[in-house]
C-alpha atoms as a PDB file:
ATOM      1  CA  MET A   1     121.613  28.589 106.790  1.00  0.00           C
ATOM      2  CA  LYS A   2     123.433  28.003 110.056  1.00  0.00           C
ATOM      3  CA  THR A   3     122.824  30.296 112.994  1.00  0.00           C
ATOM      4  CA  TRP A   4     125.873  32.093 114.374  1.00  0.00           C
ATOM      5  CA  SER A   5     125.846  29.808 117.440  1.00  0.00           C
ATOM      6  CA  ALA A   6     125.984  26.721 115.226  1.00  0.00           C
ATOM      7  CA  TRP A   7     128.834  28.343 113.306  1.00  0.00           C
ATOM      8  CA  LEU A   8     130.685  28.956 116.563  1.00  0.00           C
ATOM      9  CA  ALA A   9     130.253  25.333 117.617  1.00  0.00           C
ATOM     10  CA  ALA A  10     131.668  24.192 114.291  1.00  0.00           C
ATOM     11  CA  LEU A  11     134.630  26.550 114.681  1.00  0.00           C
ATOM     12  CA  VAL A  12     135.422  25.272 118.167  1.00  0.00           C
ATOM     13  CA  PHE A  13     135.247  21.648 116.958  1.00  0.00           C
ATOM     14  CA  ALA A  14     137.530  22.432 114.016  1.00  0.00           C
ATOM     15  CA  MET A  15     140.062  23.996 116.358  1.00  0.00           C
ATOM     16  CA  ALA A  16     139.892  20.973 118.634  1.00  0.00           C
ATOM     17  CA  VAL A  17     140.792  18.569 115.822  1.00  0.00           C
ATOM     18  CA  GLY A  18     143.437  20.903 114.431  1.00  0.00           C
ATOM     19  CA  ALA A  19     141.629  21.821 111.220  1.00  0.00           C
ATOM     20  CA  VAL A  20     141.729  25.512 112.113  1.00  0.00           C
ATOM     21  CA  ALA A  21     144.579  27.282 113.893  1.00  0.00           C
ATOM     22  CA  LEU A  22     143.581  30.587 115.481  1.00  0.00           C
ATOM     23  CA  SER A  23     144.877  32.580 118.413  1.00  0.00           C
ATOM     24  CA  PRO A  24     142.396  33.529 121.167  1.00  0.00           C
ATOM     25  CA  ALA A  25     142.216  37.017 119.654  1.00  0.00           C
ATOM     26  CA  GLY A  26     141.527  35.462 116.277  1.00  0.00           C
ATOM     27  CA  VAL A  27     138.722  33.376 117.719  1.00  0.00           C
ATOM     28  CA  MET A  28     137.094  36.468 119.235  1.00  0.00           C
ATOM     29  CA  ALA A  29     137.417  38.299 115.922  1.00  0.00           C
ATOM     30  CA  GLN A  30     135.752  35.401 114.121  1.00  0.00           C
ATOM     31  CA  VAL A  31     132.976  35.269 116.699  1.00  0.00           C
ATOM     32  CA  ALA A  32     132.443  39.023 116.463  1.00  0.00           C
ATOM     33  CA  ALA A  33     132.181  38.709 112.693  1.00  0.00           C
ATOM     34  CA  ALA A  34     129.689  35.868 113.072  1.00  0.00           C
ATOM     35  CA  VAL A  35     127.565  37.831 115.527  1.00  0.00           C
ATOM     36  CA  GLY A  36     127.556  40.808 113.168  1.00  0.00           C
ATOM     37  CA  SER A  37     124.693  43.109 114.075  1.00  0.00           C
ATOM     38  CA  ALA A  38     124.585  41.547 117.533  1.00  0.00           C
ATOM     39  CA  SER A  39     127.567  43.609 118.658  1.00  0.00           C
ATOM     40  CA  PRO A  40     127.070  45.858 121.719  1.00  0.00           C
ATOM     41  CA  GLY A  41     127.411  48.999 119.608  1.00  0.00           C
ATOM     42  CA  ASP A  42     124.238  48.200 117.674  1.00  0.00           C
ATOM     43  CA  ALA A  43     122.168  47.268 120.701  1.00  0.00           C
ATOM     44  CA  HIS A  44     119.314  49.046 122.453  1.00  0.00           C
ATOM     45  CA  TYR A  45     118.003  48.858 126.012  1.00  0.00           C
ATOM     46  CA  VAL A  46     115.613  46.045 126.900  1.00  0.00           C
ATOM     47  CA  GLY A  47     115.380  46.197 130.711  1.00  0.00           C
ATOM     48  CA  SER A  48     116.663  43.917 133.442  1.00  0.00           C
ATOM     49  CA  ALA A  49     113.749  41.502 133.114  1.00  0.00           C
ATOM     50  CA  ALA A  50     115.202  40.382 129.779  1.00  0.00           C
ATOM     51  CA  CYS A  51     118.284  39.113 131.640  1.00  0.00           C
ATOM     52  CA  GLN A  52     116.342  36.930 134.048  1.00  0.00           C
ATOM     53  CA  THR A  53     115.835  33.914 131.779  1.00  0.00           C
ATOM     54  CA  CYS A  54     119.536  33.094 131.492  1.00  0.00           C
ATOM     55  CA  HIS A  55     120.792  34.709 134.705  1.00  0.00           C
ATOM     56  CA  GLN A  56     118.174  33.681 137.239  1.00  0.00           C
ATOM     57  CA  ASP A  57     120.434  33.543 140.313  1.00  0.00           C
ATOM     58  CA  ILE A  58     122.133  36.859 139.539  1.00  0.00           C
ATOM     59  CA  PHE A  59     118.790  38.506 138.800  1.00  0.00           C
ATOM     60  CA  ALA A  60     117.328  37.213 142.065  1.00  0.00           C
ATOM     61  CA  ARG A  61     120.257  38.611 144.074  1.00  0.00           C
ATOM     62  CA  TRP A  62     120.203  41.942 142.237  1.00  0.00           C
ATOM     63  CA  SER A  63     116.441  42.377 142.671  1.00  0.00           C
ATOM     64  CA  LYS A  64     116.894  42.393 146.460  1.00  0.00           C
ATOM     65  CA  THR A  65     119.647  45.022 146.504  1.00  0.00           C
ATOM     66  CA  ARG A  66     119.111  48.691 147.281  1.00  0.00           C
ATOM     67  CA  MET A  67     120.405  49.595 143.829  1.00  0.00           C
ATOM     68  CA  ALA A  68     117.367  47.820 142.396  1.00  0.00           C
ATOM     69  CA  ASN A  69     114.961  49.399 144.877  1.00  0.00           C
ATOM     70  CA  VAL A  70     116.043  52.976 145.619  1.00  0.00           C
ATOM     71  CA  VAL A  71     113.185  54.480 143.590  1.00  0.00           C
ATOM     72  CA  ARG A  72     109.840  52.737 144.038  1.00  0.00           C
ATOM     73  CA  ASP A  73     106.284  53.465 143.000  1.00  0.00           C
ATOM     74  CA  PRO A  74     104.025  53.073 146.066  1.00  0.00           C
ATOM     75  CA  LYS A  75     101.069  52.287 143.816  1.00  0.00           C
ATOM     76  CA  GLN A  76     102.898  49.147 142.721  1.00  0.00           C
ATOM     77  CA  HIS A  77     104.635  48.616 146.076  1.00  0.00           C
ATOM     78  CA  PRO A  78     102.384  49.874 148.910  1.00  0.00           C
ATOM     79  CA  ASP A  79     104.938  48.672 151.461  1.00  0.00           C
ATOM     80  CA  ALA A  80     107.529  51.104 150.059  1.00  0.00           C
ATOM     81  CA  ILE A  81     106.328  53.965 152.290  1.00  0.00           C
ATOM     82  CA  ILE A  82     108.020  53.419 155.643  1.00  0.00           C
ATOM     83  CA  PRO A  83     106.390  55.986 158.004  1.00  0.00           C
ATOM     84  CA  ASP A  84     102.741  55.912 158.994  1.00  0.00           C
ATOM     85  CA  LEU A  85     101.273  58.836 157.062  1.00  0.00           C
ATOM     86  CA  SER A  86      97.999  58.596 158.963  1.00  0.00           C
ATOM     87  CA  LYS A  87      99.748  60.159 161.965  1.00  0.00           C
ATOM     88  CA  PRO A  88      99.668  63.966 161.631  1.00  0.00           C
ATOM     89  CA  ASP A  89     102.889  65.969 161.576  1.00  0.00           C
ATOM     90  CA  PRO A  90     103.212  69.703 160.835  1.00  0.00           C
ATOM     91  CA  LEU A  91     105.987  69.028 158.309  1.00  0.00           C
ATOM     92  CA  VAL A  92     103.899  66.609 156.253  1.00  0.00           C
ATOM     93  CA  THR A  93     101.480  68.292 153.847  1.00  0.00           C
ATOM     94  CA  PHE A  94     100.783  65.352 151.525  1.00  0.00           C
ATOM     95  CA  THR A  95      99.109  61.954 151.587  1.00  0.00           C
ATOM     96  CA  ALA A  96     100.144  58.585 150.208  1.00  0.00           C
ATOM     97  CA  LYS A  97      97.992  59.230 147.134  1.00  0.00           C
ATOM     98  CA  ASP A  98     100.124  62.280 146.286  1.00  0.00           C
ATOM     99  CA  ILE A  99     103.388  60.310 146.151  1.00  0.00           C
ATOM    100  CA  ALA A 100     104.606  59.247 142.711  1.00  0.00           C
ATOM    101  CA  PHE A 101     107.897  57.748 143.932  1.00  0.00           C
ATOM    102  CA  VAL A 102     109.640  57.093 147.210  1.00  0.00           C
ATOM    103  CA  TYR A 103     113.409  57.408 147.318  1.00  0.00           C
ATOM    104  CA  GLY A 104     115.518  55.466 149.810  1.00  0.00           C
ATOM    105  CA  SER A 105     114.963  52.728 152.369  1.00  0.00           C
ATOM    106  CA  ALA A 106     118.077  52.545 154.560  1.00  0.00           C
ATOM    107  CA  TRP A 107     118.928  55.890 156.195  1.00  0.00           C
ATOM    108  CA  LYS A 108     116.413  58.371 154.847  1.00  0.00           C
ATOM    109  CA  GLN A 109     113.340  58.324 152.674  1.00  0.00           C
ATOM    110  CA  ARG A 110     112.180  61.150 150.416  1.00  0.00           C
ATOM    111  CA  TYR A 111     108.959  61.558 148.485  1.00  0.00           C
ATOM    112  CA  PHE A 112     108.490  62.770 144.908  1.00  0.00           C
ATOM    113  CA  HIS A 113     105.342  64.081 143.291  1.00  0.00           C
ATOM    114  CA  LYS A 114     104.761  64.679 139.604  1.00  0.00           C
ATOM    115  CA  VAL A 115     104.102  68.111 138.137  1.00  0.00           C
ATOM    116  CA  GLY A 116     103.699  68.188 134.371  1.00  0.00           C
ATOM    117  CA  ASP A 117     106.277  65.806 132.923  1.00  0.00           C
ATOM    118  CA  ASP A 118     108.803  66.032 135.759  1.00  0.00           C
ATOM    119  CA  TYR A 119     109.122  65.002 139.397  1.00  0.00           C
ATOM    120  CA  TYR A 120     109.796  67.186 142.436  1.00  0.00           C
ATOM    121  CA  PRO A 121     110.737  66.189 145.998  1.00  0.00           C
ATOM    122  CA  TYR A 122     108.562  67.283 148.883  1.00  0.00           C
ATOM    123  CA  PRO A 123     110.511  69.460 151.368  1.00  0.00           C
ATOM    124  CA  VAL A 124     110.554  66.778 154.042  1.00  0.00           C
ATOM    125  CA  GLN A 125     112.231  63.425 154.591  1.00  0.00           C
ATOM    126  CA  TRP A 126     111.795  60.535 156.987  1.00  0.00           C
ATOM    127  CA  ASP A 127     114.799  59.845 159.222  1.00  0.00           C
ATOM    128  CA  ILE A 128     114.700  56.049 159.281  1.00  0.00           C
ATOM    129  CA  THR A 129     117.277  55.611 162.043  1.00  0.00           C
ATOM    130  CA  ASN A 130     115.606  58.014 164.479  1.00  0.00           C
ATOM    131  CA  ARG A 131     112.085  57.463 163.163  1.00  0.00           C
ATOM    132  CA  LYS A 132     111.157  61.111 162.811  1.00  0.00           C
ATOM    133  CA  TRP A 133     110.408  63.709 160.146  1.00  0.00           C
ATOM    134  CA  ALA A 134     112.984  66.336 159.171  1.00  0.00           C
ATOM    135  CA  PRO A 135     113.004  69.222 156.678  1.00  0.00           C
ATOM    136  CA  TYR A 136     114.655  68.580 153.323  1.00  0.00           C
ATOM    137  CA  HIS A 137     115.883  71.542 151.306  1.00  0.00           C
ATOM    138  CA  VAL A 138     119.253  72.391 149.751  1.00  0.00           C
ATOM    139  CA  PRO A 139     120.045  76.085 150.390  1.00  0.00           C
ATOM    140  CA  ASP A 140     120.294  78.351 147.348  1.00  0.00           C
ATOM    141  CA  GLN A 141     123.752  79.479 148.450  1.00  0.00           C
ATOM    142  CA  GLY A 142     126.546  77.570 150.157  1.00  0.00           C
ATOM    143  CA  GLY A 143     125.224  74.120 149.278  1.00  0.00           C
ATOM    144  CA  ASP A 144     125.523  72.075 146.102  1.00  0.00           C
ATOM    145  CA  TRP A 145     126.896  73.870 143.021  1.00  0.00           C
ATOM    146  CA  TRP A 146     123.628  73.508 141.092  1.00  0.00           C
ATOM    147  CA  ALA A 147     121.410  75.152 143.717  1.00  0.00           C
ATOM    148  CA  LYS A 148     121.975  78.699 142.450  1.00  0.00           C
ATOM    149  CA  PHE A 149     120.779  77.646 138.991  1.00  0.00           C
ATOM    150  CA  TYR A 150     117.544  76.277 140.453  1.00  0.00           C
ATOM    151  CA  PRO A 151     116.472  78.990 142.907  1.00  0.00           C
ATOM    152  CA  ASP A 152     113.749  77.900 145.265  1.00  0.00           C
ATOM    153  CA  PRO A 153     112.539  80.998 147.136  1.00  0.00           C
ATOM    154  CA  LYS A 154     109.506  79.220 148.595  1.00  0.00           C
ATOM    155  CA  GLY A 155     111.734  76.591 150.169  1.00  0.00           C
ATOM    156  CA  ASP A 156     109.381  73.824 149.056  1.00  0.00           C
ATOM    157  CA  ASN A 157     111.568  72.323 146.283  1.00  0.00           C
ATOM    158  CA  SER A 158     109.066  73.458 143.646  1.00  0.00           C
ATOM    159  CA  GLY A 159     112.014  74.847 141.687  1.00  0.00           C
ATOM    160  CA  ARG A 160     114.060  71.654 141.886  1.00  0.00           C
ATOM    161  CA  PRO A 161     113.039  69.046 139.249  1.00  0.00           C
ATOM    162  CA  THR A 162     114.615  65.617 139.642  1.00  0.00           C
ATOM    163  CA  GLY A 163     115.155  65.192 135.876  1.00  0.00           C
ATOM    164  CA  PRO A 164     118.312  67.297 135.537  1.00  0.00           C
ATOM    165  CA  LEU A 165     119.422  66.806 139.144  1.00  0.00           C
ATOM    166  CA  CYS A 166     118.812  63.139 139.982  1.00  0.00           C
ATOM    167  CA  ASP A 167     117.145  60.909 137.430  1.00  0.00           C
ATOM    168  CA  GLY A 168     120.116  60.156 135.187  1.00  0.00           C
ATOM    169  CA  CYS A 169     121.755  58.200 138.004  1.00  0.00           C
ATOM    170  CA  HIS A 170     118.591  56.602 139.363  1.00  0.00           C
ATOM    171  CA  SER A 171     117.444  55.104 136.089  1.00  0.00           C
ATOM    172  CA  VAL A 172     118.691  53.397 132.952  1.00  0.00           C
ATOM    173  CA  ASP A 173     118.844  55.413 129.709  1.00  0.00           C
ATOM    174  CA  TYR A 174     117.109  58.599 130.877  1.00  0.00           C
ATOM    175  CA  ASP A 175     116.177  60.660 127.798  1.00  0.00           C
ATOM    176  CA  ILE A 176     116.512  64.396 128.503  1.00  0.00           C
ATOM    177  CA  ARG A 177     114.162  65.214 125.605  1.00  0.00           C
ATOM    178  CA  THR A 178     111.261  62.887 126.407  1.00  0.00           C
ATOM    179  CA  LYS A 179     112.108  62.285 130.102  1.00  0.00           C
ATOM    180  CA  ALA A 180     111.424  58.602 129.492  1.00  0.00           C
ATOM    181  CA  VAL A 181     113.564  55.807 130.944  1.00  0.00           C
ATOM    182  CA  ALA A 182     114.293  52.222 129.990  1.00  0.00           C
ATOM    183  CA  GLU A 183     113.719  51.409 133.661  1.00  0.00           C
ATOM    184  CA  TRP A 184     114.019  53.114 137.025  1.00  0.00           C
ATOM    185  CA  ASN A 185     116.850  52.235 139.414  1.00  0.00           C
ATOM    186  CA  VAL A 186     120.300  50.858 138.597  1.00  0.00           C
ATOM    187  CA  GLY A 187     119.417  47.956 136.330  1.00  0.00           C
ATOM    188  CA  CYS A 188     121.703  45.447 134.635  1.00  0.00           C
ATOM    189  CA  GLU A 189     122.258  47.674 131.605  1.00  0.00           C
ATOM    190  CA  ALA A 190     123.492  50.586 133.712  1.00  0.00           C
ATOM    191  CA  CYS A 191     126.781  48.681 134.059  1.00  0.00           C
ATOM    192  CA  HIS A 192     126.662  46.323 131.070  1.00  0.00           C
ATOM    193  CA  GLY A 193     125.309  48.697 128.432  1.00  0.00           C
ATOM    194  CA  PRO A 194     122.361  48.130 126.068  1.00  0.00           C
ATOM    195  CA  GLY A 195     121.464  44.450 126.119  1.00  0.00           C
ATOM    196  CA  SER A 196     119.272  43.672 123.106  1.00  0.00           C
ATOM    197  CA  ALA A 197     122.127  42.118 121.119  1.00  0.00           C
ATOM    198  CA  HIS A 198     123.108  39.901 124.036  1.00  0.00           C
ATOM    199  CA  ALA A 199     119.508  38.880 124.697  1.00  0.00           C
ATOM    200  CA  ALA A 200     119.155  37.849 121.056  1.00  0.00           C
ATOM    201  CA  HIS A 201     122.597  36.211 120.755  1.00  0.00           C
ATOM    202  CA  PRO A 202     124.097  35.393 124.187  1.00  0.00           C
ATOM    203  CA  ALA A 203     127.894  35.606 123.965  1.00  0.00           C
ATOM    204  CA  GLN A 204     130.709  37.504 125.653  1.00  0.00           C
ATOM    205  CA  VAL A 205     131.235  39.659 122.573  1.00  0.00           C
ATOM    206  CA  SER A 206     127.622  40.869 122.530  1.00  0.00           C
ATOM    207  CA  ILE A 207     127.661  42.532 125.973  1.00  0.00           C
ATOM    208  CA  LEU A 208     129.970  44.708 128.038  1.00  0.00           C
ATOM    209  CA  ASN A 209     131.362  43.324 131.277  1.00  0.00           C
ATOM    210  CA  PRO A 210     133.313  45.695 133.564  1.00  0.00           C
ATOM    211  CA  ALA A 211     135.280  42.694 134.843  1.00  0.00           C
ATOM    212  CA  ARG A 212     136.820  42.335 131.373  1.00  0.00           C
ATOM    213  CA  GLN A 213     137.442  46.046 130.782  1.00  0.00           C
ATOM    214  CA  ASP A 214     140.585  48.010 131.606  1.00  0.00           C
ATOM    215  CA  TYR A 215     140.541  49.580 135.052  1.00  0.00           C
ATOM    216  CA  VAL A 216     139.742  53.091 133.790  1.00  0.00           C
ATOM    217  CA  SER A 217     136.728  51.998 131.740  1.00  0.00           C
ATOM    218  CA  ALA A 218     135.497  49.718 134.512  1.00  0.00           C
ATOM    219  CA  ASN A 219     135.752  52.466 137.125  1.00  0.00           C
ATOM    220  CA  ASP A 220     134.075  54.983 134.818  1.00  0.00           C
ATOM    221  CA  THR A 221     130.933  52.867 135.074  1.00  0.00           C
ATOM    222  CA  CYS A 222     130.732  53.585 138.815  1.00  0.00           C
ATOM    223  CA  ILE A 223     132.387  57.008 139.000  1.00  0.00           C
ATOM    224  CA  ARG A 224     129.812  58.538 136.662  1.00  0.00           C
ATOM    225  CA  CYS A 225     127.360  58.609 139.556  1.00  0.00           C
ATOM    226  CA  HIS A 226     129.563  58.023 142.599  1.00  0.00           C
ATOM    227  CA  SER A 227     131.491  61.264 142.223  1.00  0.00           C
ATOM    228  CA  GLN A 228     131.029  65.013 142.385  1.00  0.00           C
ATOM    229  CA  GLY A 229     131.396  66.873 139.113  1.00  0.00           C
ATOM    230  CA  GLN A 230     129.651  68.555 136.207  1.00  0.00           C
ATOM    231  CA  PRO A 231     128.985  67.751 132.547  1.00  0.00           C
ATOM    232  CA  LEU A 232     131.552  69.352 130.238  1.00  0.00           C
ATOM    233  CA  ASN A 233     128.810  70.995 128.180  1.00  0.00           C
ATOM    234  CA  ASN A 234     126.645  72.473 130.945  1.00  0.00           C
ATOM    235  CA  PRO A 235     124.143  73.983 130.398  1.00  0.00           C
ATOM    236  CA  ILE A 236     122.569  71.440 128.047  1.00  0.00           C
ATOM    237  CA  ALA A 237     119.452  72.549 126.178  1.00  0.00           C
ATOM    238  CA  GLY A 238     119.168  75.428 128.640  1.00  0.00           C
ATOM    239  CA  LYS A 239     119.382  73.315 131.798  1.00  0.00           C
ATOM    240  CA  PHE A 240     122.195  72.524 134.221  1.00  0.00           C
ATOM    241  CA  TYR A 241     122.614  68.802 134.847  1.00  0.00           C
ATOM    242  CA  ASP A 242     124.185  67.098 137.844  1.00  0.00           C
ATOM    243  CA  TRP A 243     124.952  63.848 136.026  1.00  0.00           C
ATOM    244  CA  PRO A 244     126.968  62.989 132.863  1.00  0.00           C
ATOM    245  CA  VAL A 245     124.414  63.408 130.093  1.00  0.00           C
ATOM    246  CA  GLY A 246     125.233  61.244 127.066  1.00  0.00           C
ATOM    247  CA  TYR A 247     127.537  58.805 128.831  1.00  0.00           C
ATOM    248  CA  HIS A 248     126.781  55.106 129.033  1.00  0.00           C
ATOM    249  CA  ALA A 249     128.845  52.044 129.897  1.00  0.00           C
ATOM    250  CA  GLY A 250     131.594  51.499 127.356  1.00  0.00           C
ATOM    251  CA  LEU A 251     132.192  55.178 126.582  1.00  0.00           C
ATOM    252  CA  LYS A 252     134.969  57.374 127.991  1.00  0.00           C
ATOM    253  CA  LEU A 253     133.629  59.284 130.986  1.00  0.00           C
ATOM    254  CA  SER A 254     136.156  62.113 130.647  1.00  0.00           C
ATOM    255  CA  ASP A 255     134.512  63.018 127.330  1.00  0.00           C
ATOM    256  CA  PHE A 256     131.349  63.918 129.245  1.00  0.00           C
ATOM    257  CA  TRP A 257     132.215  64.634 132.893  1.00  0.00           C
ATOM    258  CA  ARG A 258     134.621  66.909 134.754  1.00  0.00           C
ATOM    259  CA  LEU A 259     135.374  65.848 138.315  1.00  0.00           C
ATOM    260  CA  GLU A 260     135.420  68.470 141.036  1.00  0.00           C
ATOM    261  CA  ASP A 261     138.693  69.042 142.850  1.00  0.00           C
ATOM    262  CA  HIS A 262     139.008  66.976 146.002  1.00  0.00           C
ATOM    263  CA  LYS A 263     138.301  69.088 149.081  1.00  0.00           C
END
C-alpha cells in the first residue's frame, strides 16, 4: 500500500502530464484526505526537539532567542543565575540550591522555588542593567487586577503561585489539572499548534503556520500573551487565571479571552 507521500507524488505527476485537472484548492483537499489522521486537529504536542531534524537552521536560531530561554532550570543550566549569590545581601534569603527556575536574562531576573506542586517567586529580583537587588512584590491593591484574588499579607509572594498567573504563557500546553507542560518557554508548538501529525507526515496541511492564516487568527497567536485581559470564564475551577486557559494556536481567542480597555 502506498504511503500518503507516495500518493502525493503520483498526484503531482499526473497533474503535470494533464491526466488530472485540479484547482489549487482541490489539490489541498486531496492532500488533506490523503493525510487523514495526520491533520492538525488530531495532533498532540511533541516538543520543539521533534522539529529539529527537518528544521535545523530554524531550530538553531530559535534556541538562542529569549523566547526559548526565559525560564531556565539552574540545575541543568548553572550559568542561568546571573548575580553572584555568594555575596550577602539583606534582600536575599535563599541560595542557588533553593531555586527551581530563573526567569529573565535581559532587564531583570526573578527566582522561583517549588512548594507542593506549584512554583512561587521569591520577593526579590536582580536588576541586570544596574547590577543590584530590588524588592519584587505586586501590591494587593492598586496593582494588577488579579492581586486582590491572591492576597499576600506577608509580602513574600507565598500567596502568588505562578501556575494561574504566569505559566500558561511561559510554557507549551500547560495543564491546569496536572500542572504539567509539554515544555517550558515559548516552543515551536506555541505558535504552530500540536505537532505530532506534522512530525509523522511533514506537509503544509499537517501543521498551522501563522504566515498562512488570516490576520486575526495570526495575531491571536501573539495577543493571547502580549495583551492585558482576563479569561471569559474566570474563575476557573476556583482560581483566577491571568492567561487564556483553553486557547491554543488555531482557535479563536475571543472565545476565551476578554481584552482590557486601553488606558
